[in-house]
């Protein structure tokens, strides 16, 4: 389901390039897939791979990455 959402709704494909690699976050797509799974009996009966959904990032994940110098903003980024 996550791949379907990302492939068919481009605004849900949260990604950015970093040092020549594309990094996918997909927070919104993961939240949508999770919400759909829990509100729909039909989806609950037909989805068998919800255990493969990743956790949802929030503001603390990028902050922690910055603290460990894993994530850095470009000089063009305005905070």
N, C-alpha and C. Protein backbone atom coordinates (compact mmCIF):
# COMPACT_ATOMS: atom_id res chain seq x y z
N UNK A 1 0.82 -1.18 0.00
CA UNK A 1 0.00 0.00 0.00
C UNK A 1 0.88 1.25 0.00
N UNK A 2 1.94 1.24 0.79
CA UNK A 2 2.84 2.39 0.86
C UNK A 2 3.39 2.72 -0.52
N UNK A 3 3.85 1.73 -1.25
CA UNK A 3 4.38 1.95 -2.59
C UNK A 3 3.30 2.49 -3.52
N UNK A 4 2.09 1.99 -3.42
CA UNK A 4 0.99 2.48 -4.25
C UNK A 4 0.74 3.97 -3.98
N UNK A 5 0.69 4.35 -2.72
CA UNK A 5 0.45 5.75 -2.37
C UNK A 5 1.56 6.63 -2.94
N UNK A 6 2.80 6.23 -2.75
CA UNK A 6 3.93 7.02 -3.24
C UNK A 6 3.93 7.10 -4.77
N UNK A 7 3.65 5.97 -5.43
CA UNK A 7 3.67 5.94 -6.89
C UNK A 7 2.54 6.74 -7.53
N UNK A 8 1.38 6.78 -6.87
CA UNK A 8 0.21 7.40 -7.47
C UNK A 8 -0.13 8.79 -6.93
N UNK A 9 0.46 9.17 -5.84
CA UNK A 9 0.23 10.49 -5.25
C UNK A 9 1.59 11.11 -4.97
N UNK A 10 2.13 11.79 -5.96
CA UNK A 10 3.51 12.29 -5.88
C UNK A 10 3.75 13.22 -4.70
N UNK A 11 2.72 13.90 -4.22
CA UNK A 11 2.92 14.80 -3.08
C UNK A 11 3.25 14.02 -1.80
N UNK A 12 3.03 12.71 -1.81
CA UNK A 12 3.35 11.88 -0.64
C UNK A 12 4.76 11.30 -0.72
N UNK A 13 5.46 11.53 -1.82
CA UNK A 13 6.80 10.97 -1.98
C UNK A 13 7.83 11.93 -1.39
N UNK A 14 7.99 11.87 -0.06
CA UNK A 14 8.91 12.76 0.66
C UNK A 14 10.34 12.26 0.47
N UNK A 15 11.10 12.98 -0.33
CA UNK A 15 12.48 12.56 -0.60
C UNK A 15 13.33 13.79 -0.84
N UNK A 16 14.62 13.58 -0.71
CA UNK A 16 15.57 14.64 -1.00
C UNK A 16 16.91 13.99 -1.35
N UNK A 17 17.73 14.73 -2.06
CA UNK A 17 19.05 14.23 -2.42
C UNK A 17 20.07 14.64 -1.38
N UNK A 18 20.96 13.72 -1.05
CA UNK A 18 22.02 13.98 -0.09
C UNK A 18 23.28 13.25 -0.54
N UNK A 19 24.30 14.01 -0.82
CA UNK A 19 25.59 13.46 -1.25
C UNK A 19 25.43 12.44 -2.38
N UNK A 20 24.61 12.81 -3.36
CA UNK A 20 24.43 11.96 -4.53
C UNK A 20 23.47 10.80 -4.36
N UNK A 21 22.85 10.67 -3.20
CA UNK A 21 21.88 9.60 -2.97
C UNK A 21 20.52 10.20 -2.67
N UNK A 22 19.48 9.51 -3.09
CA UNK A 22 18.13 9.95 -2.78
C UNK A 22 17.69 9.32 -1.46
N UNK A 23 17.30 10.17 -0.52
CA UNK A 23 16.85 9.72 0.79
C UNK A 23 15.33 9.85 0.84
N UNK A 24 14.64 8.75 1.15
CA UNK A 24 13.17 8.75 1.23
C UNK A 24 12.74 8.77 2.70
N UNK A 25 11.85 9.71 3.01
CA UNK A 25 11.30 9.78 4.37
C UNK A 25 9.89 9.22 4.39
N UNK A 26 9.05 9.66 3.46
CA UNK A 26 7.69 9.13 3.28
C UNK A 26 6.85 9.12 4.54
N UNK A 27 7.01 10.13 5.36
CA UNK A 27 6.25 10.23 6.60
C UNK A 27 4.75 10.30 6.33
N UNK A 28 4.34 11.16 5.43
CA UNK A 28 2.91 11.34 5.16
C UNK A 28 2.30 10.07 4.55
N UNK A 29 3.03 9.43 3.66
CA UNK A 29 2.52 8.20 3.04
C UNK A 29 2.39 7.08 4.08
N UNK A 30 3.35 6.98 4.98
CA UNK A 30 3.30 5.97 6.03
C UNK A 30 2.12 6.23 6.97
N UNK A 31 1.92 7.49 7.33
CA UNK A 31 0.78 7.83 8.19
C UNK A 31 -0.54 7.51 7.51
N UNK A 32 -0.64 7.82 6.21
CA UNK A 32 -1.88 7.53 5.48
C UNK A 32 -2.13 6.03 5.42
N UNK A 33 -1.12 5.25 5.08
CA UNK A 33 -1.28 3.79 5.02
C UNK A 33 -1.69 3.24 6.38
N UNK A 34 -1.07 3.74 7.42
CA UNK A 34 -1.41 3.29 8.77
C UNK A 34 -2.84 3.66 9.13
N UNK A 35 -3.25 4.88 8.83
CA UNK A 35 -4.62 5.31 9.11
C UNK A 35 -5.64 4.49 8.33
N UNK A 36 -5.37 4.27 7.06
CA UNK A 36 -6.29 3.48 6.25
C UNK A 36 -6.42 2.06 6.78
N UNK A 37 -5.33 1.50 7.21
CA UNK A 37 -5.35 0.14 7.75
C UNK A 37 -6.24 0.03 8.98
N UNK A 38 -6.13 1.00 9.87
CA UNK A 38 -6.86 0.91 11.12
C UNK A 38 -8.32 1.35 11.04
N UNK A 39 -8.72 2.09 10.01
CA UNK A 39 -10.11 2.54 9.95
C UNK A 39 -10.96 1.69 9.02
N UNK A 40 -10.40 0.84 8.24
CA UNK A 40 -11.19 0.11 7.26
C UNK A 40 -11.14 -1.40 7.49
N UNK A 41 -12.28 -1.99 7.74
CA UNK A 41 -12.37 -3.44 7.89
C UNK A 41 -11.97 -4.14 6.59
N UNK A 42 -12.32 -3.56 5.47
CA UNK A 42 -11.98 -4.16 4.18
C UNK A 42 -10.47 -4.23 4.01
N UNK A 43 -9.80 -3.14 4.33
CA UNK A 43 -8.34 -3.13 4.18
C UNK A 43 -7.71 -4.09 5.19
N UNK A 44 -8.25 -4.14 6.40
CA UNK A 44 -7.69 -5.05 7.41
C UNK A 44 -7.74 -6.49 6.93
N UNK A 45 -8.77 -6.83 6.17
CA UNK A 45 -8.90 -8.21 5.71
C UNK A 45 -8.05 -8.51 4.48
N UNK A 46 -7.59 -7.47 3.77
CA UNK A 46 -6.87 -7.73 2.53
C UNK A 46 -5.39 -7.37 2.59
N UNK A 47 -4.97 -6.60 3.56
CA UNK A 47 -3.55 -6.25 3.69
C UNK A 47 -2.85 -7.26 4.57
N UNK A 48 -1.79 -7.83 4.08
CA UNK A 48 -1.09 -8.79 4.92
C UNK A 48 0.34 -8.36 5.23
N UNK A 49 0.73 -7.15 4.81
CA UNK A 49 2.11 -6.76 5.03
C UNK A 49 2.25 -5.46 5.81
N UNK A 50 1.28 -5.14 6.67
CA UNK A 50 1.39 -3.91 7.46
C UNK A 50 2.54 -3.97 8.46
N UNK A 51 3.03 -5.12 8.76
CA UNK A 51 4.17 -5.22 9.68
C UNK A 51 5.44 -4.66 9.06
N UNK A 52 5.41 -4.41 7.75
CA UNK A 52 6.58 -3.86 7.06
C UNK A 52 6.57 -2.34 7.02
N UNK A 53 5.53 -1.70 7.54
CA UNK A 53 5.50 -0.24 7.57
C UNK A 53 6.57 0.26 8.54
N UNK A 54 7.22 1.32 8.13
CA UNK A 54 8.25 1.89 9.00
C UNK A 54 7.63 2.81 10.03
N UNK A 55 8.39 3.15 11.03
CA UNK A 55 7.94 4.12 12.01
C UNK A 55 7.86 5.49 11.38
N UNK A 56 7.12 6.37 11.99
CA UNK A 56 6.95 7.72 11.45
C UNK A 56 7.94 8.67 12.10
N UNK A 57 8.63 9.38 11.25
CA UNK A 57 9.60 10.35 11.74
C UNK A 57 8.86 11.57 12.28
N UNK A 58 9.46 12.26 13.17
CA UNK A 58 8.93 13.54 13.63
C UNK A 58 10.08 14.51 13.78
N UNK A 59 9.84 15.64 14.37
CA UNK A 59 10.89 16.66 14.46
C UNK A 59 12.11 16.18 15.23
N UNK A 60 11.95 15.22 16.13
CA UNK A 60 13.09 14.81 16.97
C UNK A 60 14.10 13.96 16.20
N UNK A 61 13.67 13.27 15.16
CA UNK A 61 14.61 12.46 14.39
C UNK A 61 15.61 13.35 13.65
N UNK A 62 15.15 14.34 12.86
CA UNK A 62 16.14 15.22 12.21
C UNK A 62 17.01 15.97 13.22
N UNK A 63 16.42 16.39 14.33
CA UNK A 63 17.19 17.10 15.36
C UNK A 63 18.31 16.20 15.89
N UNK A 64 18.00 14.95 16.17
CA UNK A 64 19.00 14.00 16.66
C UNK A 64 20.06 13.76 15.60
N UNK A 65 19.65 13.60 14.34
CA UNK A 65 20.62 13.43 13.26
C UNK A 65 21.56 14.62 13.16
N UNK A 66 21.02 15.82 13.32
CA UNK A 66 21.88 17.01 13.29
C UNK A 66 22.86 17.00 14.45
N UNK A 67 22.39 16.59 15.63
CA UNK A 67 23.26 16.54 16.82
C UNK A 67 24.45 15.61 16.61
N UNK A 68 24.26 14.54 15.85
CA UNK A 68 25.33 13.58 15.59
C UNK A 68 26.02 13.82 14.25
N UNK A 69 25.77 14.98 13.65
CA UNK A 69 26.37 15.34 12.37
C UNK A 69 26.06 14.34 11.25
N UNK A 70 24.90 13.72 11.33
CA UNK A 70 24.44 12.83 10.27
C UNK A 70 23.65 13.62 9.24
N UNK A 71 22.96 14.64 9.68
CA UNK A 71 22.13 15.47 8.82
C UNK A 71 22.62 16.91 8.93
N UNK A 72 22.75 17.54 7.79
CA UNK A 72 23.11 18.95 7.81
C UNK A 72 22.30 19.69 6.76
N UNK A 73 21.98 20.93 7.06
CA UNK A 73 21.25 21.76 6.11
C UNK A 73 22.24 22.50 5.24
N UNK A 74 21.86 22.74 4.01
CA UNK A 74 22.73 23.52 3.12
C UNK A 74 22.76 24.97 3.61
N UNK A 75 23.77 25.71 3.19
CA UNK A 75 23.88 27.10 3.60
C UNK A 75 22.75 27.95 3.03
N UNK A 76 22.04 27.45 2.02
CA UNK A 76 20.91 28.16 1.44
C UNK A 76 19.64 28.04 2.28
N UNK A 77 19.62 27.09 3.20
CA UNK A 77 18.43 26.86 4.02
C UNK A 77 18.29 27.93 5.09
N UNK A 78 17.11 28.50 5.19
CA UNK A 78 16.85 29.55 6.18
C UNK A 78 16.01 28.97 7.31
N UNK A 79 16.49 29.06 8.52
CA UNK A 79 15.75 28.57 9.68
C UNK A 79 14.93 29.69 10.27
